[in-house]
Amino acid sequence: MGLFRRKSGQGQVRSASKADTSHLDEWASTRQGVEAYVEPRTNVTEATVVLVAHDGEWTRRRIPNFEAARDFARKRSMPLYEVERVGYPKRMREYQERQKREGGSR
């Protein structure tokens, strides 16, 4: 019996799904001034895209790759940024702080 053996399926990275894209579509269509920020793939997650609205509200979902994020943003006439290059917008951090003060879910 292996002491460090993983259970089957454990350690696998879940890929993006149609539900992820549907969520992003719906979320972006109900907010103003939405921008997309691509986060690179890591050892535990696929690449992700963070959508940030004009007021700093945000959501994150998996995407297949950078090209998919670029296509998503282009189809919606939405600016696309790479988090590693530009960081997260200040309004996103401010939104998170407001949510903490108000006892919000984020």
Protein backbone atom coordinates (compact mmCIF):
# COMPACT_ATOMS: atom_id res chain seq x y z
CA MET A 1 0.00 0.00 0.00
CA GLY A 2 1.52 3.30 -1.12
CA LEU A 3 1.70 5.96 1.50
CA PHE A 4 1.59 8.84 -0.98
CA ARG A 5 -0.63 7.28 -3.61
CA ARG A 6 -3.32 9.58 -4.98
CA LYS A 7 -6.92 8.60 -5.30
CA SER A 8 -8.05 8.22 -8.88
CA GLY A 9 -9.01 11.55 -10.40
CA GLN A 10 -7.26 13.55 -7.72
CA GLY A 11 -4.70 16.01 -8.98
CA GLN A 12 -6.27 16.31 -12.42
CA VAL A 13 -6.94 19.78 -13.74
CA ARG A 14 -10.57 20.43 -14.68
CA SER A 15 -10.89 22.02 -18.08
CA ALA A 16 -13.26 24.76 -19.18
CA SER A 17 -16.83 23.84 -19.97
CA LYS A 18 -19.77 25.29 -21.87
CA ALA A 19 -21.25 26.22 -18.50
CA ASP A 20 -18.18 28.38 -17.82
CA THR A 21 -18.61 30.23 -21.11
CA SER A 22 -22.36 30.58 -20.58
CA HIS A 23 -21.76 32.11 -17.16
CA LEU A 24 -19.28 34.61 -18.58
CA ASP A 25 -21.68 35.53 -21.40
CA GLU A 26 -24.61 36.08 -19.06
CA TRP A 27 -22.53 37.96 -16.51
CA ALA A 28 -20.99 40.31 -19.10
CA SER A 29 -24.34 41.02 -20.74
CA THR A 30 -25.82 42.26 -17.45
CA ARG A 31 -22.98 44.60 -16.42
CA GLN A 32 -21.52 47.81 -17.83
CA GLY A 33 -17.93 48.58 -18.75
CA VAL A 34 -16.74 44.97 -18.54
CA GLU A 35 -13.06 44.22 -19.16
CA ALA A 36 -11.42 40.79 -19.37
CA TYR A 37 -8.22 39.80 -17.54
CA VAL A 38 -6.52 36.54 -18.49
CA GLU A 39 -4.81 34.52 -15.78
CA PRO A 40 -2.30 31.90 -16.94
CA ARG A 41 -2.60 28.16 -16.39
CA THR A 42 -1.09 26.88 -13.17
CA ASN A 43 -0.38 23.41 -11.79
CA VAL A 44 -3.85 23.25 -10.28
CA THR A 45 -6.08 25.23 -12.67
CA GLU A 46 -6.49 25.81 -16.36
CA ALA A 47 -6.19 29.31 -17.68
CA THR A 48 -8.93 31.55 -16.35
CA VAL A 49 -10.50 34.83 -17.30
CA VAL A 50 -11.65 37.40 -14.78
CA LEU A 51 -14.36 39.75 -15.96
CA VAL A 52 -14.43 43.07 -14.11
CA ALA A 53 -17.35 45.50 -14.39
CA HIS A 54 -17.14 49.30 -14.16
CA ASP A 55 -17.89 49.23 -10.41
CA GLY A 56 -15.28 46.54 -9.64
CA GLU A 57 -17.68 43.60 -9.35
CA TRP A 58 -16.01 40.56 -10.84
CA THR A 59 -16.33 36.90 -11.75
CA ARG A 60 -13.80 34.22 -12.72
CA ARG A 61 -14.15 31.11 -14.87
CA ARG A 62 -11.88 28.66 -16.65
CA ILE A 63 -11.08 29.07 -20.33
CA PRO A 64 -9.34 26.64 -22.68
CA ASN A 65 -6.43 28.99 -23.48
CA PHE A 66 -5.41 32.57 -24.20
CA GLU A 67 -6.75 32.40 -27.75
CA ALA A 68 -10.21 31.45 -26.45
CA ALA A 69 -10.13 34.46 -24.11
CA ARG A 70 -9.08 36.72 -26.97
CA ASP A 71 -11.92 35.40 -29.15
CA PHE A 72 -14.43 35.80 -26.30
CA ALA A 73 -13.38 39.41 -25.71
CA ARG A 74 -13.21 40.30 -29.40
CA LYS A 75 -16.73 39.00 -30.10
CA ARG A 76 -18.03 41.23 -27.30
CA SER A 77 -15.89 44.28 -28.13
CA MET A 78 -14.34 43.96 -24.69
CA PRO A 79 -10.77 44.98 -23.77
CA LEU A 80 -8.52 42.06 -22.85
CA TYR A 81 -5.50 42.29 -20.57
CA GLU A 82 -2.93 39.82 -19.27
CA VAL A 83 -2.88 39.86 -15.47
CA GLU A 84 0.83 39.01 -15.41
CA ARG A 85 1.57 42.20 -17.35
CA VAL A 86 -0.90 44.74 -15.99
CA GLY A 87 -2.17 43.33 -12.70
CA TYR A 88 -5.74 43.61 -11.48
CA PRO A 89 -7.61 46.91 -11.69
CA LYS A 90 -7.81 49.04 -8.56
CA ARG A 91 -11.62 49.07 -8.73
CA MET A 92 -11.64 45.29 -8.28
CA ARG A 93 -9.67 45.54 -5.03
CA GLU A 94 -11.88 48.40 -3.86
CA TYR A 95 -15.00 46.32 -4.60
CA GLN A 96 -13.61 43.44 -2.54
CA GLU A 97 -12.89 45.78 0.37
CA ARG A 98 -16.44 47.19 0.21
CA GLN A 99 -17.85 43.66 0.24
CA LYS A 100 -15.78 42.76 3.31
CA ARG A 101 -16.91 45.88 5.16
CA GLU A 102 -20.55 45.28 4.23
CA GLY A 103 -20.39 41.56 5.04
CA GLY A 104 -20.76 40.50 1.40
CA SER A 105 -20.01 37.10 -0.04
CA ARG A 106 -16.59 37.91 -1.54
